[in-house]
C-alpha cells in the first residue's frame, strides 16, 4: 500500500512538472510572437491591431487564366483567345499573431473534373508584399482564327506552364496597410494611400502539337520577362464598418527572353517598347462588429508584350470571398 501511494505521488509530481514545462513553453512562444508584432511601427491614428489574437476565416476562392494572341504566320493574320478552366476551392484558415495555417478543398478535383495544378502564395505586410503563383494547365480552350477560317481548340490540345511572382514596397507603411484589406490582421481606422515600388517576374511556356487537317501549325511559345515599376494604392474608410482598397502597380519589362517555335522554326520575339506587366488589387471589407467581418478581394496580373508581327496579352486572376471571426 505504501509503495502504491509513493508511486502515485511520483506520477502526480511528474505530471505537474510536465504541465508546468508546457505552460512555460506556451508562454514563451506567445511572448516571442507578441514581441515580434510589437516591433512593427505604425501610426495608431490611422492603424490598429485587433484586440483578439486568433482570426479564423472561411473562404471561397475562384481563379483562372486567359491568353490572347494576334500575329502573322506566312503573311496570314492569325489570332486566338484561350481560357483555362476556372478553379474553385473552399478553405478554412487560421492566423495567430502573424502565423497562418490553412487547408483547402476543390470539389471538382475530388470528382475528377479539374485536371490542372495551381499553387498561389500571398504574403501581405505593411512594408512589403509578395504575390506568387504557378499554374500548370491542359484545359486551355477557345478559338483560333487563321485568315477567315475559325477553328475551335478543345481542352487537352494545349499544354501551359506559367510562373509569376511580384513584390512590392509600400512607402507610407506607417499609415497605409495592405494587410487591413487582404489578411485583416490590421484595421485601417482612417483613409490613407501610398506610393508603391515593385518588380515582377513572369516565365513559362505554352505548347500545341498542331493539326495538319485543320491547318494549325505546331507552336511552342516561351516567355521570360523581368519588369520594374511603381504605382499607387489607397484604402478608403467609410464610416465605422467599410473599407475599400484599390491599387495598381504597372511595371516596365526590362529583360525579355521571349521566343516562339513554329513547325520547328524558332523565332525570337524581340523587345518593342513599351512591354508591361500590370499588378492590380481590389478589396472590400465590411466589419460587422469588432469580432466578425466579411471581405471580398481580387488580384490581377496582366502582361502584354509584342513584336513587329506578334502580340500576346495574358491575364492571371484570382478572386476571394470570406467570413472572418476573431477570438
Protein backbone atom coordinates (compact mmCIF):
# COMPACT_ATOMS: atom_id res chain seq x y z
CA UNK A 1 0.00 0.00 0.00
CA UNK A 2 2.82 2.42 0.88
CA UNK A 3 4.53 1.57 -2.40
CA UNK A 4 1.33 2.34 -4.36
CA UNK A 5 0.93 5.68 -2.58
CA UNK A 6 4.58 6.55 -3.28
CA UNK A 7 4.24 5.56 -6.95
CA UNK A 8 1.06 7.62 -7.35
CA UNK A 9 2.73 10.62 -5.71
CA UNK A 10 5.68 10.37 -8.10
CA UNK A 11 3.36 10.15 -11.10
CA UNK A 12 1.43 13.24 -9.98
CA UNK A 13 4.68 15.11 -9.45
CA UNK A 14 5.95 14.16 -12.93
CA UNK A 15 2.61 15.16 -14.49
CA UNK A 16 2.61 18.51 -12.67
CA UNK A 17 6.20 19.17 -13.80
CA UNK A 18 5.32 18.34 -17.43
CA UNK A 19 2.29 20.65 -17.33
CA UNK A 20 4.44 23.41 -15.86
CA UNK A 21 7.01 22.98 -18.65
CA UNK A 22 4.30 23.02 -21.32
CA UNK A 23 2.78 26.15 -19.83
CA UNK A 24 6.19 27.85 -19.72
CA UNK A 25 6.81 26.84 -23.33
CA UNK A 26 3.40 28.19 -24.38
CA UNK A 27 4.03 31.46 -22.57
CA UNK A 28 7.46 31.73 -24.17
CA UNK A 29 6.03 31.21 -27.68
CA UNK A 30 3.25 33.75 -27.05
CA UNK A 31 5.80 36.20 -25.68
CA UNK A 32 8.05 35.78 -28.74
CA UNK A 33 5.14 36.31 -31.15
CA UNK A 34 3.96 39.36 -29.20
CA UNK A 35 7.47 40.82 -29.21
CA UNK A 36 7.69 40.28 -32.96
CA UNK A 37 4.35 42.01 -33.50
CA UNK A 38 5.29 44.92 -31.23
CA UNK A 39 8.41 45.64 -33.31
CA UNK A 40 6.18 46.75 -36.19
CA UNK A 41 5.94 50.54 -36.14
CA UNK A 42 2.72 52.22 -37.28
CA UNK A 43 0.69 55.36 -36.71
CA UNK A 44 -2.06 54.49 -34.23
CA UNK A 45 -4.21 57.36 -35.52
CA UNK A 46 -4.53 55.51 -38.85
CA UNK A 47 -3.96 51.86 -37.96
CA UNK A 48 -4.67 49.47 -35.11
CA UNK A 49 -4.45 45.77 -34.40
CA UNK A 50 -7.45 43.63 -33.49
CA UNK A 51 -7.69 43.04 -29.75
CA UNK A 52 -8.19 39.31 -30.39
CA UNK A 53 -5.05 37.30 -31.19
CA UNK A 54 -6.66 34.50 -33.24
CA UNK A 55 -8.54 35.00 -36.53
CA UNK A 56 -10.37 32.16 -38.31
CA UNK A 57 -11.66 32.64 -41.87
CA UNK A 58 -14.00 30.60 -44.08
CA UNK A 59 -13.16 31.35 -47.71
CA UNK A 60 -14.43 30.70 -51.23
CA UNK A 61 -11.81 31.15 -53.97
CA UNK A 62 -12.06 31.29 -57.77
CA UNK A 63 -9.11 31.72 -60.16
CA UNK A 64 -8.38 31.46 -63.86
CA UNK A 65 -6.11 32.42 -66.75
CA UNK A 66 -6.77 33.85 -70.22
CA UNK A 67 -4.34 34.32 -73.13
CA UNK A 68 -5.00 36.40 -76.25
CA UNK A 69 -2.63 36.44 -79.23
CA UNK A 70 -2.50 38.27 -82.55
CA UNK A 71 0.11 37.97 -85.26
CA UNK A 72 1.10 36.73 -88.70
CA UNK A 73 2.19 33.33 -89.99
CA UNK A 74 3.40 33.29 -93.62
CA UNK A 75 1.65 36.64 -94.25
CA UNK A 76 -1.63 35.28 -92.90
CA UNK A 77 -3.29 37.07 -90.00
CA UNK A 78 -3.85 34.76 -87.05
CA UNK A 79 -5.36 35.29 -83.62
CA UNK A 80 -6.59 33.27 -80.66
CA UNK A 81 -8.40 33.75 -77.38
CA UNK A 82 -7.93 30.92 -74.91
CA UNK A 83 -9.04 30.37 -71.31
CA UNK A 84 -8.30 27.72 -68.71
CA UNK A 85 -10.96 26.04 -66.63
CA UNK A 86 -11.72 28.17 -63.61
CA UNK A 87 -10.54 26.74 -60.32
CA UNK A 88 -13.00 26.94 -57.41
CA UNK A 89 -11.96 25.97 -53.88
CA UNK A 90 -13.28 26.30 -50.35
CA UNK A 91 -10.87 26.77 -47.48
CA UNK A 92 -10.57 27.43 -43.78
CA UNK A 93 -7.60 29.33 -42.39
CA UNK A 94 -6.37 30.48 -39.01
CA UNK A 95 -3.98 33.32 -38.19
CA UNK A 96 -2.43 33.66 -34.74
CA UNK A 97 -0.34 36.83 -34.36
CA UNK A 98 1.11 36.60 -37.86
CA UNK A 99 1.44 32.79 -38.05
CA UNK A 100 -1.09 31.43 -40.56
CA UNK A 101 -2.23 27.91 -41.44
CA UNK A 102 -4.97 26.77 -43.78
CA UNK A 103 -6.50 23.88 -45.67
CA UNK A 104 -8.47 23.96 -48.93
CA UNK A 105 -10.68 21.53 -50.84
CA UNK A 106 -11.51 21.56 -54.54
CA UNK A 107 -14.87 19.81 -55.18
CA UNK A 108 -14.19 19.47 -58.93
CA UNK A 109 -10.77 17.95 -58.20
CA UNK A 110 -12.35 15.42 -55.83
CA UNK A 111 -14.87 14.45 -58.54
CA UNK A 112 -12.10 14.19 -61.16
CA UNK A 113 -13.38 17.16 -63.19
CA UNK A 114 -10.47 19.54 -62.59
CA UNK A 115 -7.16 18.37 -64.03
CA UNK A 116 -4.98 21.47 -63.69
CA UNK A 117 -2.43 22.13 -60.97
CA UNK A 118 -2.26 25.55 -59.36
CA UNK A 119 -0.38 26.97 -56.41
CA UNK A 120 -0.83 30.50 -55.03
CA UNK A 121 1.23 32.19 -52.35
CA UNK A 122 0.40 35.64 -50.98
CA UNK A 123 2.22 37.43 -48.15
CA UNK A 124 0.97 40.86 -47.12
CA UNK A 125 2.83 43.06 -44.66
CA UNK A 126 2.65 46.80 -44.06
CA UNK A 127 6.10 47.42 -45.54
CA UNK A 128 6.38 44.72 -48.24
CA UNK A 129 4.02 42.36 -50.09
CA UNK A 130 4.54 39.32 -52.33
CA UNK A 131 2.15 37.61 -54.78
CA UNK A 132 3.32 34.36 -56.38
CA UNK A 133 1.55 31.74 -58.48
CA UNK A 134 2.35 28.63 -60.50
CA UNK A 135 -0.20 27.28 -62.97
CA UNK A 136 0.15 24.04 -64.93
CA UNK A 137 -2.81 23.51 -67.27
CA UNK A 138 -4.10 21.22 -70.00
CA UNK A 139 -7.54 22.84 -70.09
CA UNK A 140 -6.87 25.86 -72.30
CA UNK A 141 -9.64 26.08 -74.88
CA UNK A 142 -11.02 28.68 -77.26
CA UNK A 143 -10.97 29.79 -80.89
CA UNK A 144 -8.01 30.03 -83.26
CA UNK A 145 -8.54 32.25 -86.31
CA UNK A 146 -6.36 31.99 -89.42
CA UNK A 147 -7.40 34.41 -92.14
CA UNK A 148 -11.17 33.92 -92.41
CA UNK A 149 -11.10 30.39 -91.00
CA UNK A 150 -12.00 29.79 -87.34
CA UNK A 151 -11.07 26.57 -85.55
CA UNK A 152 -12.15 25.72 -82.02
CA UNK A 153 -9.36 24.33 -79.85
CA UNK A 154 -10.69 21.83 -77.34
CA UNK A 155 -9.42 21.19 -73.83
CA UNK A 156 -6.32 19.00 -73.77
CA UNK A 157 -4.87 20.25 -77.05
CA UNK A 158 -2.62 22.90 -75.46
CA UNK A 159 -0.22 22.47 -72.56
CA UNK A 160 0.65 25.51 -70.45
CA UNK A 161 3.10 26.08 -67.58
CA UNK A 162 3.35 29.55 -66.10
CA UNK A 163 5.07 31.08 -63.05
CA UNK A 164 4.56 34.63 -61.81
CA UNK A 165 5.98 36.45 -58.80
CA UNK A 166 5.60 40.10 -57.89
CA UNK A 167 6.99 42.02 -54.93
CA UNK A 168 6.04 45.50 -53.72
CA UNK A 169 7.46 48.04 -51.31
CA UNK A 170 5.00 50.37 -49.55
CA UNK A 171 6.47 53.80 -48.76
CA UNK A 172 3.72 55.06 -46.43
CA UNK A 173 3.63 51.82 -44.46
CA UNK A 174 3.04 53.51 -41.10
CA UNK A 175 -0.39 54.82 -42.21
CA UNK A 176 -1.42 52.61 -45.14
CA UNK A 177 -1.93 48.86 -44.68
CA UNK A 178 -2.24 46.12 -47.31
CA UNK A 179 -2.98 43.55 -44.54
CA UNK A 180 -6.01 45.59 -43.44
CA UNK A 181 -7.56 44.91 -46.86
CA UNK A 182 -6.29 41.39 -47.63
CA UNK A 183 -5.45 39.48 -44.44
CA UNK A 184 -7.38 41.62 -41.94
CA UNK A 185 -4.50 41.38 -39.44
CA UNK A 186 -4.65 45.18 -39.19
CA UNK A 187 -7.57 47.60 -39.03
CA UNK A 188 -7.48 50.76 -41.15
CA UNK A 189 -9.05 53.48 -38.99
CA UNK A 190 -8.64 56.44 -41.36
CA UNK A 191 -8.30 56.69 -45.13
CA UNK A 192 -4.72 56.70 -46.41
CA UNK A 193 -2.74 55.95 -49.53
CA UNK A 194 0.84 55.18 -50.51
CA UNK A 195 3.20 55.17 -53.45
CA UNK A 196 4.44 51.70 -54.36
CA UNK A 197 7.62 50.36 -55.95
CA UNK A 198 7.95 46.82 -57.21
CA UNK A 199 9.35 44.17 -59.50
CA UNK A 200 7.74 41.28 -61.38
CA UNK A 201 9.00 38.08 -63.00
CA UNK A 202 6.88 36.11 -65.47
CA UNK A 203 8.13 32.88 -67.00
CA UNK A 204 6.62 29.85 -68.68
CA UNK A 205 5.55 28.21 -71.90
CA UNK A 206 2.60 27.03 -73.99
CA UNK A 207 2.74 24.13 -76.41
CA UNK A 208 0.41 22.91 -79.18
CA UNK A 209 1.26 19.85 -81.26
CA UNK A 210 -0.63 21.21 -84.26
CA UNK A 211 -3.25 19.72 -86.57
CA UNK A 212 -2.45 19.45 -90.28
CA UNK A 213 -6.05 18.61 -91.18
CA UNK A 214 -7.27 21.86 -89.64
CA UNK A 215 -4.30 23.93 -90.82
CA UNK A 216 -2.98 24.57 -87.33
CA UNK A 217 0.83 24.59 -87.12
CA UNK A 218 2.87 23.12 -84.30
CA UNK A 219 3.51 26.06 -81.96
CA UNK A 220 5.54 26.43 -78.78
CA UNK A 221 5.91 29.81 -77.09
CA UNK A 222 8.25 30.66 -74.24
CA UNK A 223 8.12 33.82 -72.14
CA UNK A 224 10.72 35.05 -69.68
CA UNK A 225 10.27 38.63 -68.52
CA UNK A 226 11.56 40.77 -65.67
CA UNK A 227 9.93 44.13 -65.01
CA UNK A 228 10.27 47.02 -62.57
CA UNK A 229 7.95 49.92 -61.87
CA UNK A 230 5.87 51.96 -59.46
CA UNK A 231 2.26 52.64 -58.66
CA UNK A 232 -0.19 53.76 -56.02
CA UNK A 233 -2.60 52.19 -53.57
CA UNK A 234 -5.39 53.68 -51.47
CA UNK A 235 -7.52 52.48 -48.54
CA UNK A 236 -10.81 54.36 -48.29
CA UNK A 237 -12.53 54.10 -44.91
CA UNK A 238 -16.27 54.86 -44.98
CA UNK A 239 -17.99 55.14 -41.62
CA UNK A 240 -17.17 52.60 -38.93
CA UNK A 241 -17.72 49.47 -40.97
CA UNK A 242 -16.49 49.79 -44.59
CA UNK A 243 -13.03 49.63 -46.14
CA UNK A 244 -12.43 49.90 -49.91
CA UNK A 245 -9.00 49.17 -51.39
CA UNK A 246 -7.71 49.83 -54.89
CA UNK A 247 -4.10 49.66 -56.06
CA UNK A 248 -2.27 49.43 -59.37
CA UNK A 249 1.42 48.75 -59.97
CA UNK A 250 2.41 48.91 -63.65
CA UNK A 251 5.90 47.55 -64.28
CA UNK A 252 8.00 48.03 -67.41
CA UNK A 253 9.68 44.92 -68.84
CA UNK A 254 13.44 45.50 -68.90
CA UNK A 255 14.55 41.91 -69.63
CA UNK A 256 12.87 39.95 -72.44
CA UNK A 257 13.69 36.32 -73.27
CA UNK A 258 10.56 35.54 -75.30
CA UNK A 259 10.56 33.26 -78.32
CA UNK A 260 8.18 31.20 -80.44
CA UNK A 261 8.84 27.96 -82.33
CA UNK A 262 6.53 27.30 -85.30
CA UNK A 263 6.81 23.93 -87.07
CA UNK A 264 10.32 23.53 -85.66
CA UNK A 265 11.50 27.02 -86.67
CA UNK A 266 12.45 29.11 -83.65
CA UNK A 267 11.99 32.85 -83.75
CA UNK A 268 12.93 35.36 -81.11
CA UNK A 269 10.18 37.73 -80.07
CA UNK A 270 12.17 40.93 -79.88
CA UNK A 271 11.55 43.72 -77.39
CA UNK A 272 9.28 46.51 -78.55
CA UNK A 273 8.74 49.41 -76.14
CA UNK A 274 6.60 49.53 -74.12
CA UNK A 275 6.04 45.98 -72.85
CA UNK A 276 4.32 45.86 -69.49
CA UNK A 277 3.18 43.69 -66.59
CA UNK A 278 0.37 45.15 -64.51
CA UNK A 279 -0.31 44.09 -60.91
CA UNK A 280 -3.72 45.19 -59.68
CA UNK A 281 -5.58 44.66 -56.38
CA UNK A 282 -9.03 45.48 -55.14
CA UNK A 283 -10.82 44.66 -51.90
CA UNK A 284 -13.97 45.41 -49.93
CA UNK A 285 -14.12 44.72 -46.19
CA UNK A 286 -17.22 45.07 -44.05
CA UNK A 287 -16.63 44.93 -40.29
CA UNK A 288 -19.88 43.70 -38.79
CA UNK A 289 -18.51 44.34 -35.30
CA UNK A 290 -15.16 44.01 -33.54
CA UNK A 291 -15.17 40.21 -33.97
CA UNK A 292 -16.97 39.43 -37.25
CA UNK A 293 -16.18 40.70 -40.74
CA UNK A 294 -16.89 39.98 -44.41
CA UNK A 295 -14.35 40.52 -47.20
CA UNK A 296 -14.11 40.21 -50.98
CA UNK A 297 -10.78 40.58 -52.79
CA UNK A 298 -9.36 40.37 -56.29
CA UNK A 299 -5.77 40.07 -57.57
CA UNK A 300 -4.94 40.52 -61.27
CA UNK A 301 -1.58 40.04 -63.04
CA UNK A 302 -1.82 41.23 -66.65
CA UNK A 303 1.14 41.02 -69.02
CA UNK A 304 1.40 42.40 -72.53
CA UNK A 305 4.31 42.04 -74.96
CA UNK A 306 4.68 42.20 -78.72
CA UNK A 307 6.98 42.17 -81.71
CA UNK A 308 6.51 43.52 -85.21
CA UNK A 309 4.31 40.50 -86.02
CA UNK A 310 3.12 39.15 -82.67
CA UNK A 311 1.15 40.48 -79.70
CA UNK A 312 0.34 38.47 -76.56
CA UNK A 313 -1.82 39.53 -73.58
CA UNK A 314 -2.16 37.25 -70.56
CA UNK A 315 -4.41 37.77 -67.54
CA UNK A 316 -3.93 35.64 -64.42
CA UNK A 317 -6.63 36.46 -61.86
CA UNK A 318 -7.92 35.28 -58.50
CA UNK A 319 -10.99 36.37 -56.51
CA UNK A 320 -11.92 35.50 -52.95
CA UNK A 321 -14.82 35.99 -50.55
CA UNK A 322 -14.57 35.22 -46.85
CA UNK A 323 -16.25 35.34 -43.46
CA UNK A 324 -13.87 36.05 -40.58
CA UNK A 325 -14.20 35.54 -36.86
CA UNK A 326 -11.75 36.84 -34.25
CA UNK A 327 -11.21 35.07 -30.92
